[in-house]
Amino acid sequence: MHAWLRGWIEARGIDEAAAAALAVLAVAGAALALAWLADRVAKRVLVRAAHFLTQQTDASWDDALVEHGVFRRLSHLAPAVVLYTMGSAFGETAAGWVERLALVYMIVVTARAASALLEAALSIYQSSDLSAERPVQGYVQLLRIFLYVVAAIFVVSMLLDQEPWGLLTGLGALSAVLLLVFRDTILGFVASVQLAGNDMVRRGDWIEMPSYGADGDVLEVSLHTVKVQNWDKTISTIPTHALITNSFKNWRGMSDSGGRRIKRAVSIDVNTIRFCDDAMLERFEKFDVIRDYVREKRAELAESNAAVGGAERINARRLTNVGTFRAYVVAYLRGHPKIHSSMTFLVRQLAPTDHGLPIEIYVFSNDQDWVRYEDIQSDIFDHILAVLPEFELRAYQSPSGHDLETAAGALAARAG
């Protein structure tokens, strides 16, 4: 076409150089016009048709293709194909460069479309339940990096008019530099493989990593970072490889178990601990929760003490108010509808301290919701603290200003 147009222009009396330039301009204008027309048709007809068809289906995967612009990016191939096809029309000198540049453009467009396709596939995968167990975002990011590296190699090979395999051989000499440049990427990839293979962390897990100020739900597990939304709604970003090299706590086991631990102690003032007399025991028998316990214990101790000559002797067995209180707490929690009956259940004494005798409750609630869990725990200890005076016990509390003021007033009254 270029030769024919050039000859036609020369036949009109134009000199050879001007005819060649005009022929090139005419062919270039025609090619660009056709390329523009192909681009308009691809975007306004083909892309819109593809979007219309995806809206008519009930499937969600095709919507992800539209959302990530796969069809829109593929439409950019149309003008490049037109220019490549018309490359020979530019003449022998320019045809090679036109075709080469068109191929470069097609490689770039194809790489971007493939990248969008990977993002769409990731979006489809993340909408499934399996994504919470096996995060693959790190693998997708690695594939995108590999895709762009390969595309860059082919682009350079096209521009230099050399085989891409020769460039790959030359890159072998730069492996040390590449390892240095992509150090974080390589570490992130290895960490992602280990995290996924060992099922160490998933999207939606509650993890705690104080060294990075993270305590909340995992939002995203990617190649380089893990995003955690803390309970105060801030976002902590943790390097993926740090989850392998450093220690962190994953609360998924608690979520999967069906229970949530309640571990809290009430410190008893040791000055209020004493043996139970008959009046106390008779009063305790009126408590429905421990009525059977007190009766069985009184019968057992009466039989045991008969052999040692009465219950008043120092070597006789006797109930204490703190021991009876522990029995009450056990019975109360056994009957609580929000306490998990098949998990660890323990009410115990800890070693006495300068703050009294700790009675620790170590049980699990059967409701894991944070708000309801806190309500359950608070209700339990509200009751335990309120019932202490019934056993003639008192919770230990460090002296406050009011206590000191009362004591000073009592001393002043006594002195007066």
Protein backbone atom coordinates (compact mmCIF):
# COMPACT_ATOMS: atom_id res chain seq x y z
CA MET A 1 0.00 0.00 0.00
CA HIS A 2 2.84 2.38 0.85
CA ALA A 3 4.57 1.74 -2.49
CA TRP A 4 1.36 2.15 -4.48
CA LEU A 5 0.44 5.38 -2.68
CA ARG A 6 3.96 6.71 -3.13
CA GLY A 7 3.87 5.99 -6.87
CA TRP A 8 0.45 7.58 -7.19
CA ILE A 9 1.71 10.78 -5.49
CA GLU A 10 4.84 10.89 -7.66
CA ALA A 11 2.63 10.57 -10.72
CA ARG A 12 1.03 13.84 -9.71
CA GLY A 13 4.33 15.64 -10.14
CA ILE A 14 5.57 15.53 -6.54
CA ASP A 15 9.28 14.86 -6.03
CA GLU A 16 10.40 11.49 -4.65
CA ALA A 17 11.29 12.58 -1.06
CA ALA A 18 8.09 14.54 -0.56
CA ALA A 19 6.04 11.69 -2.05
CA ALA A 20 7.62 9.21 0.39
CA ALA A 21 6.86 11.48 3.36
CA LEU A 22 3.29 12.09 2.26
CA ALA A 23 2.74 8.38 1.70
CA VAL A 24 3.95 7.59 5.22
CA LEU A 25 1.75 10.30 6.72
CA ALA A 26 -1.29 9.10 4.80
CA VAL A 27 -0.77 5.46 5.78
CA ALA A 28 -0.11 6.44 9.41
CA GLY A 29 -3.25 8.58 9.48
CA ALA A 30 -5.34 5.78 8.04
CA ALA A 31 -3.87 3.25 10.46
CA LEU A 32 -4.45 5.50 13.46
CA ALA A 33 -8.01 6.19 12.34
CA LEU A 34 -8.73 2.48 11.98
CA ALA A 35 -7.08 1.79 15.34
CA TRP A 36 -9.22 4.47 16.99
CA LEU A 37 -12.34 3.02 15.37
CA ALA A 38 -11.41 -0.48 16.53
CA ASP A 39 -10.88 0.84 20.07
CA ARG A 40 -14.32 2.54 20.06
CA VAL A 41 -16.04 -0.58 18.73
CA ALA A 42 -14.30 -2.83 21.26
CA LYS A 43 -15.17 -0.60 24.21
CA ARG A 44 -18.64 0.56 23.26
CA VAL A 45 -19.91 -2.62 21.67
CA LEU A 46 -17.95 -5.67 22.74
CA VAL A 47 -17.24 -4.59 26.35
CA ARG A 48 -20.78 -3.35 26.91
CA ALA A 49 -22.14 -6.57 25.43
CA ALA A 50 -19.95 -8.63 27.78
CA HIS A 51 -21.13 -6.54 30.77
CA PHE A 52 -24.76 -6.95 29.71
CA LEU A 53 -24.40 -10.73 29.44
CA THR A 54 -22.80 -10.99 32.88
CA GLN A 55 -25.74 -9.10 34.41
CA GLN A 56 -28.16 -11.64 32.97
CA THR A 57 -26.59 -14.57 34.80
CA ASP A 58 -27.00 -15.57 38.45
CA ALA A 59 -23.35 -16.51 38.81
CA SER A 60 -21.07 -14.19 40.77
CA TRP A 61 -17.75 -15.09 39.15
CA ASP A 62 -18.53 -13.16 35.95
CA ASP A 63 -19.43 -10.09 38.04
CA ALA A 64 -15.93 -10.24 39.52
CA LEU A 65 -14.48 -10.13 35.99
CA VAL A 66 -16.42 -6.95 35.29
CA GLU A 67 -15.56 -5.39 38.65
CA HIS A 68 -11.82 -5.86 38.13
CA GLY A 69 -11.95 -4.61 34.51
CA VAL A 70 -10.83 -7.76 32.71
CA PHE A 71 -12.96 -7.07 29.60
CA ARG A 72 -12.08 -3.38 29.60
CA ARG A 73 -8.37 -4.12 29.63
CA LEU A 74 -8.69 -6.76 26.91
CA SER A 75 -10.43 -4.20 24.69
CA HIS A 76 -7.11 -2.33 24.38
CA LEU A 77 -5.84 -5.20 22.23
CA ALA A 78 -8.08 -4.11 19.34
CA PRO A 79 -6.10 -1.01 18.21
CA ALA A 80 -2.81 -2.86 18.68
CA VAL A 81 -4.00 -5.70 16.46
CA VAL A 82 -5.03 -3.20 13.79
CA LEU A 83 -1.63 -1.47 13.85
CA TYR A 84 0.21 -4.80 13.76
CA THR A 85 -1.91 -5.98 10.81
CA MET A 86 -1.27 -2.76 8.89
CA GLY A 87 2.44 -2.71 9.69
CA SER A 88 3.45 -3.82 6.21
CA ALA A 89 1.55 -0.87 4.73
CA PHE A 90 4.17 1.53 6.19
CA GLY A 91 6.88 0.27 3.87
CA GLU A 92 9.89 -1.92 4.46
CA THR A 93 11.77 0.59 6.60
CA ALA A 94 9.02 1.47 9.08
CA ALA A 95 7.08 -1.82 9.01
CA GLY A 96 9.47 -3.57 11.39
CA TRP A 97 9.26 -0.86 14.04
CA VAL A 98 5.49 -0.51 13.78
CA GLU A 99 4.97 -4.24 14.18
CA ARG A 100 7.48 -4.39 17.01
CA LEU A 101 5.87 -1.52 18.93
CA ALA A 102 2.41 -3.03 18.37
CA LEU A 103 3.65 -6.32 19.81
CA VAL A 104 5.13 -4.50 22.83
CA TYR A 105 1.80 -2.81 23.43
CA MET A 106 -0.04 -6.13 23.13
CA ILE A 107 2.32 -7.72 25.66
CA VAL A 108 1.69 -4.90 28.14
CA VAL A 109 -2.07 -5.07 27.62
CA THR A 110 -2.11 -8.85 27.97
CA ALA A 111 -0.07 -8.67 31.18
CA ARG A 112 -2.46 -6.09 32.68
CA ALA A 113 -5.49 -8.16 31.64
CA ALA A 114 -3.95 -11.30 33.14
CA SER A 115 -3.24 -9.35 36.35
CA ALA A 116 -6.89 -8.25 36.49
CA LEU A 117 -7.95 -11.85 35.89
CA LEU A 118 -5.84 -12.98 38.86
CA GLU A 119 -7.41 -10.27 41.03
CA ALA A 120 -10.87 -11.40 39.93
CA ALA A 121 -10.02 -15.02 40.71
CA LEU A 122 -8.78 -13.94 44.16
CA SER A 123 -12.00 -12.00 44.76
CA ILE A 124 -14.07 -15.05 43.80
CA TYR A 125 -11.99 -17.27 46.07
CA GLN A 126 -12.25 -14.88 49.02
CA SER A 127 -16.03 -14.94 48.79
CA SER A 128 -15.98 -18.68 49.56
CA ASP A 129 -15.76 -20.24 53.02
CA LEU A 130 -12.51 -21.98 52.10
CA SER A 131 -10.65 -18.65 51.94
CA ALA A 132 -10.83 -18.26 55.73
CA GLU A 133 -8.88 -21.51 56.14
CA ARG A 134 -6.44 -21.14 53.25
CA PRO A 135 -5.48 -17.53 52.42
CA VAL A 136 -3.93 -17.34 48.94
CA GLN A 137 -3.44 -13.60 48.48
CA GLY A 138 0.31 -13.99 48.92
CA TYR A 139 0.46 -16.54 46.09
CA VAL A 140 -1.58 -14.29 43.80
CA GLN A 141 0.72 -11.36 44.48
CA LEU A 142 3.74 -13.55 43.70
CA LEU A 143 2.13 -14.67 40.42
CA ARG A 144 1.49 -11.03 39.48
CA ILE A 145 5.13 -10.15 40.15
CA PHE A 146 6.27 -13.12 38.07
CA LEU A 147 3.85 -12.13 35.30
CA TYR A 148 5.16 -8.57 35.12
CA VAL A 149 8.80 -9.74 35.21
CA VAL A 150 8.18 -12.09 32.28
CA ALA A 151 6.31 -9.35 30.40
CA ALA A 152 9.19 -6.91 30.99
CA ILE A 153 11.68 -9.47 29.64
CA PHE A 154 9.64 -9.94 26.47
CA VAL A 155 9.22 -6.19 26.01
CA VAL A 156 12.97 -5.60 26.27
CA SER A 157 13.66 -8.50 23.91
CA MET A 158 11.24 -7.03 21.37
CA LEU A 159 12.78 -3.57 21.56
CA LEU A 160 16.31 -4.97 21.26
CA ASP A 161 15.22 -7.47 18.60
CA GLN A 162 16.76 -10.37 20.52
CA GLU A 163 15.54 -13.71 21.78
CA PRO A 164 14.08 -13.52 25.32
CA TRP A 165 15.97 -16.68 26.32
CA GLY A 166 19.24 -14.85 25.89
CA LEU A 167 18.05 -12.18 28.30
CA LEU A 168 17.02 -14.87 30.80
CA THR A 169 20.53 -16.30 30.63
CA GLY A 170 21.94 -12.87 31.33
CA LEU A 171 19.66 -12.48 34.32
CA GLY A 172 21.32 -15.50 35.89
CA ALA A 173 24.39 -13.34 36.44
CA LEU A 174 22.20 -10.82 38.27
CA SER A 175 20.65 -13.39 40.61
CA ALA A 176 22.53 -12.05 43.64
CA VAL A 177 21.24 -8.55 42.95
CA LEU A 178 17.71 -9.85 42.44
CA LEU A 179 17.87 -11.74 45.72
CA LEU A 180 18.87 -8.54 47.45
CA VAL A 181 16.18 -6.45 45.77
CA PHE A 182 13.42 -9.02 46.31
CA ARG A 183 14.54 -10.07 49.78
CA ASP A 184 11.28 -9.03 51.44
CA THR A 185 9.25 -10.67 48.69
CA ILE A 186 11.11 -13.95 49.07
CA LEU A 187 10.79 -13.87 52.86
CA GLY A 188 7.10 -13.04 52.54
CA PHE A 189 6.53 -15.89 50.11
CA VAL A 190 8.28 -18.44 52.33
CA ALA A 191 6.33 -17.15 55.33
CA SER A 192 3.04 -17.33 53.40
CA VAL A 193 3.73 -20.95 52.46
CA GLN A 194 4.49 -21.84 56.08
CA LEU A 195 1.48 -19.95 57.44
CA ALA A 196 -0.87 -21.64 54.96
CA GLY A 197 0.75 -25.06 55.22
CA ASN A 198 0.71 -25.12 59.02
CA ASP A 199 -2.66 -23.34 59.22
CA MET A 200 -1.17 -20.80 61.64
CA VAL A 201 -3.33 -17.80 60.80
CA ARG A 202 -6.44 -17.18 58.74
CA ARG A 203 -8.46 -14.17 57.73
CA GLY A 204 -10.90 -13.48 60.57
CA ASP A 205 -8.69 -14.94 63.32
CA TRP A 206 -8.19 -13.00 66.54
CA ILE A 207 -4.45 -12.73 67.08
CA GLU A 208 -2.38 -10.96 69.71
CA MET A 209 1.17 -9.76 69.01
CA PRO A 210 2.28 -7.16 71.57
CA SER A 211 5.63 -6.52 69.88
CA TYR A 212 3.75 -4.97 66.95
CA GLY A 213 0.89 -3.49 68.98
CA ALA A 214 -1.58 -5.91 67.39
CA ASP A 215 -4.58 -7.30 69.25
CA GLY A 216 -7.63 -7.91 67.10
CA ASP A 217 -9.04 -9.59 63.99
CA VAL A 218 -6.96 -10.43 60.92
CA LEU A 219 -8.28 -8.47 57.93
CA GLU A 220 -5.84 -9.57 55.27
CA VAL A 221 -2.96 -12.01 54.82
CA SER A 222 -0.86 -10.87 51.86
CA LEU A 223 2.61 -11.59 50.55
CA HIS A 224 4.35 -8.80 52.46
CA THR A 225 2.02 -7.83 55.31
CA VAL A 226 -0.74 -9.04 57.61
CA LYS A 227 -3.32 -6.40 58.50
CA VAL A 228 -4.95 -6.61 61.93
CA GLN A 229 -7.86 -4.45 63.04
CA ASN A 230 -7.38 -3.85 66.76
CA TRP A 231 -10.26 -3.61 69.20
CA ASP A 232 -9.93 0.19 69.25
CA LYS A 233 -10.49 0.09 65.45
CA THR A 234 -6.90 1.03 64.61
CA ILE A 235 -5.04 -1.02 62.02
CA SER A 236 -1.72 -2.73 62.79
CA THR A 237 0.45 -3.88 59.89
CA ILE A 238 2.75 -6.82 60.59
CA PRO A 239 5.39 -8.13 58.16
CA THR A 240 4.29 -11.61 57.09
CA HIS A 241 7.67 -13.14 57.89
CA ALA A 242 7.43 -11.74 61.46
CA LEU A 243 4.66 -14.25 62.19
CA ILE A 244 7.21 -16.99 61.55
CA THR A 245 10.21 -15.49 63.32
CA ASN A 246 8.35 -14.00 66.32
CA SER A 247 5.80 -15.32 68.77
CA PHE A 248 2.11 -14.44 68.56
CA LYS A 249 -1.10 -15.74 70.12
CA ASN A 250 -3.98 -16.99 67.99
CA TRP A 251 -7.34 -17.18 69.78
CA ARG A 252 -8.89 -19.42 67.14
CA GLY A 253 -8.65 -22.41 69.47
CA MET A 254 -10.93 -20.62 71.91
CA SER A 255 -13.40 -19.81 69.14
CA ASP A 256 -13.43 -23.40 67.88
CA SER A 257 -13.78 -24.90 71.37
CA GLY A 258 -17.25 -23.49 72.02
CA GLY A 259 -16.25 -21.92 75.35
CA ARG A 260 -14.48 -18.85 76.69
CA ARG A 261 -12.42 -18.92 79.85
CA ILE A 262 -13.36 -17.10 83.02
CA LYS A 263 -10.34 -16.85 85.29
CA ARG A 264 -10.63 -14.46 88.19
CA ALA A 265 -10.00 -14.56 91.94
CA VAL A 266 -11.70 -13.04 94.98
CA SER A 267 -9.32 -12.28 97.86
CA ILE A 268 -10.78 -13.16 101.28
CA ASP A 269 -9.74 -11.23 104.38
CA VAL A 270 -8.06 -13.94 106.50
CA ASN A 271 -9.27 -12.28 109.70
CA THR A 272 -12.81 -13.39 108.82
CA ILE A 273 -11.98 -17.09 108.33
CA ARG A 274 -13.23 -19.32 111.20
CA PHE A 275 -14.79 -22.66 112.11
CA CYS A 276 -18.53 -22.95 111.64
CA ASP A 277 -20.63 -23.30 114.78
CA ASP A 278 -24.02 -24.97 114.93
CA ALA A 279 -25.89 -21.70 114.39
CA MET A 280 -23.96 -21.03 111.19
CA LEU A 281 -24.52 -24.55 109.91
CA GLU A 282 -28.23 -24.37 110.58
CA ARG A 283 -28.37 -21.13 108.66
CA PHE A 284 -26.40 -22.65 105.79
CA GLU A 285 -28.88 -25.50 105.57
CA LYS A 286 -31.49 -22.95 104.53
CA PHE A 287 -29.53 -22.20 101.37
CA ASP A 288 -31.05 -24.35 98.61
CA VAL A 289 -27.78 -24.52 96.71
CA ILE A 290 -25.77 -26.21 99.49
CA ARG A 291 -28.48 -27.72 101.70
CA ASP A 292 -27.59 -31.30 100.76
CA TYR A 293 -23.88 -30.59 101.04
CA VAL A 294 -24.16 -29.21 104.59
CA ARG A 295 -26.36 -32.07 105.77
CA GLU A 296 -24.04 -34.71 104.34
CA LYS A 297 -21.00 -33.00 105.83
CA ARG A 298 -22.58 -32.63 109.27
CA ALA A 299 -23.49 -36.31 109.31
CA GLU A 300 -20.03 -37.32 108.11
CA LEU A 301 -18.24 -35.13 110.68
CA ALA A 302 -20.51 -36.27 113.55
CA GLU A 303 -19.65 -39.88 112.80
CA SER A 304 -15.95 -39.06 112.46
CA ASN A 305 -15.79 -36.98 115.65
CA ALA A 306 -17.61 -39.53 117.75
CA ALA A 307 -14.44 -41.58 117.71
CA VAL A 308 -12.31 -38.73 119.14
CA GLY A 309 -14.55 -37.71 122.03
CA GLY A 310 -16.43 -34.69 120.74
CA ALA A 311 -16.15 -31.91 118.21
CA GLU A 312 -14.58 -29.39 120.60
CA ARG A 313 -11.21 -31.03 120.66
CA ILE A 314 -8.49 -29.59 118.47
CA ASN A 315 -8.06 -32.82 116.55
CA ALA A 316 -11.73 -33.00 115.63
CA ARG A 317 -12.90 -32.34 112.11
CA ARG A 318 -14.94 -29.19 111.61
CA LEU A 319 -16.31 -27.19 108.73
CA THR A 320 -14.97 -23.70 108.00
CA ASN A 321 -16.90 -20.82 106.59
CA VAL A 322 -14.43 -20.39 103.74
CA GLY A 323 -14.62 -24.10 102.83
CA THR A 324 -18.40 -23.96 102.86
CA PHE A 325 -18.25 -20.83 100.76
CA ARG A 326 -16.15 -22.67 98.15
CA ALA A 327 -18.71 -25.48 98.11
CA TYR A 328 -21.42 -22.86 97.58
CA VAL A 329 -19.53 -21.30 94.64
CA VAL A 330 -19.05 -24.75 93.06
CA ALA A 331 -22.75 -25.60 93.39
CA TYR A 332 -23.81 -22.14 92.19
CA LEU A 333 -21.64 -22.37 89.06
CA ARG A 334 -22.68 -25.97 88.36
CA GLY A 335 -26.25 -24.77 88.13
CA HIS A 336 -25.48 -21.65 86.09
CA PRO A 337 -26.96 -21.97 82.58
CA LYS A 338 -24.09 -20.02 80.98
CA ILE A 339 -21.23 -22.17 82.31
CA HIS A 340 -19.83 -24.83 79.98
CA SER A 341 -20.35 -28.17 81.74
CA SER A 342 -17.88 -30.26 79.70
CA MET A 343 -14.83 -27.99 79.95
CA THR A 344 -12.38 -27.30 82.78
CA PHE A 345 -14.26 -26.47 85.97
CA LEU A 346 -12.21 -25.45 88.98
CA VAL A 347 -12.77 -23.44 92.17
CA ARG A 348 -9.59 -23.43 94.23
CA GLN A 349 -7.55 -21.70 96.88
CA LEU A 350 -4.32 -20.03 95.89
CA ALA A 351 -1.44 -19.34 98.23
CA PRO A 352 -2.25 -16.64 100.82
CA THR A 353 -0.67 -13.28 100.13
CA ASP A 354 -0.46 -9.93 101.88
CA HIS A 355 -3.78 -9.20 100.17
CA GLY A 356 -5.63 -12.10 101.74
CA LEU A 357 -6.57 -15.62 100.64
CA PRO A 358 -7.41 -15.76 96.89
CA ILE A 359 -10.30 -18.00 95.87
CA GLU A 360 -9.89 -18.49 92.13
CA ILE A 361 -12.70 -19.37 89.76
CA TYR A 362 -11.46 -21.13 86.63
CA VAL A 363 -14.38 -22.09 84.39
CA PHE A 364 -15.60 -21.55 80.81
CA SER A 365 -18.71 -19.77 79.63
CA ASN A 366 -20.69 -21.32 76.79
CA ASP A 367 -21.19 -17.93 75.13
CA GLN A 368 -18.16 -16.53 73.29
CA ASP A 369 -19.61 -13.17 72.29
CA TRP A 370 -17.41 -10.56 73.95
CA VAL A 371 -20.22 -8.35 75.26
CA ARG A 372 -22.34 -11.22 76.57
CA TYR A 373 -19.27 -12.95 77.99
CA GLU A 374 -18.38 -9.86 80.02
CA ASP A 375 -21.97 -9.62 81.26
CA ILE A 376 -21.90 -13.27 82.37
CA GLN A 377 -18.59 -12.84 84.15
CA SER A 378 -19.72 -9.64 85.87
CA ASP A 379 -23.01 -11.17 87.01
CA ILE A 380 -21.20 -14.15 88.52
CA PHE A 381 -18.80 -12.03 90.53
CA ASP A 382 -21.52 -9.58 91.50
CA HIS A 383 -23.28 -12.48 93.15
CA ILE A 384 -20.13 -13.97 94.72
CA LEU A 385 -19.09 -10.66 96.28
CA ALA A 386 -22.63 -9.96 97.52
CA VAL A 387 -23.00 -13.40 99.12
CA LEU A 388 -19.74 -13.25 101.10
CA PRO A 389 -21.35 -11.67 104.23
CA GLU A 390 -23.78 -14.60 104.40
CA PHE A 391 -20.76 -16.76 105.25
CA GLU A 392 -19.39 -14.12 107.63
CA LEU A 393 -16.54 -13.48 105.21
CA ARG A 394 -15.22 -10.21 103.90
CA ALA A 395 -13.36 -9.43 100.69
CA TYR A 396 -9.92 -7.94 101.23
CA GLN A 397 -9.58 -4.30 100.25
CA SER A 398 -6.63 -2.02 100.78
CA PRO A 399 -7.46 0.82 103.23
CA SER A 400 -8.94 3.82 101.47
CA GLY A 401 -9.09 7.42 102.58
CA HIS A 402 -12.56 6.80 104.02
CA ASP A 403 -11.28 3.83 106.07
CA LEU A 404 -8.45 5.90 107.49
CA GLU A 405 -10.81 8.74 108.25
CA THR A 406 -13.20 6.38 110.08
CA ALA A 407 -10.35 4.84 112.05
CA ALA A 408 -9.03 8.27 113.02
CA GLY A 409 -12.50 9.30 114.15
CA ALA A 410 -12.87 6.16 116.27
CA LEU A 411 -9.50 6.73 117.93
CA ALA A 412 -10.36 10.37 118.63
CA ALA A 413 -13.70 9.33 120.16
CA ARG A 414 -12.01 6.72 122.34
CA ALA A 415 -9.37 9.20 123.47
CA GLY A 416 -12.06 11.76 124.36
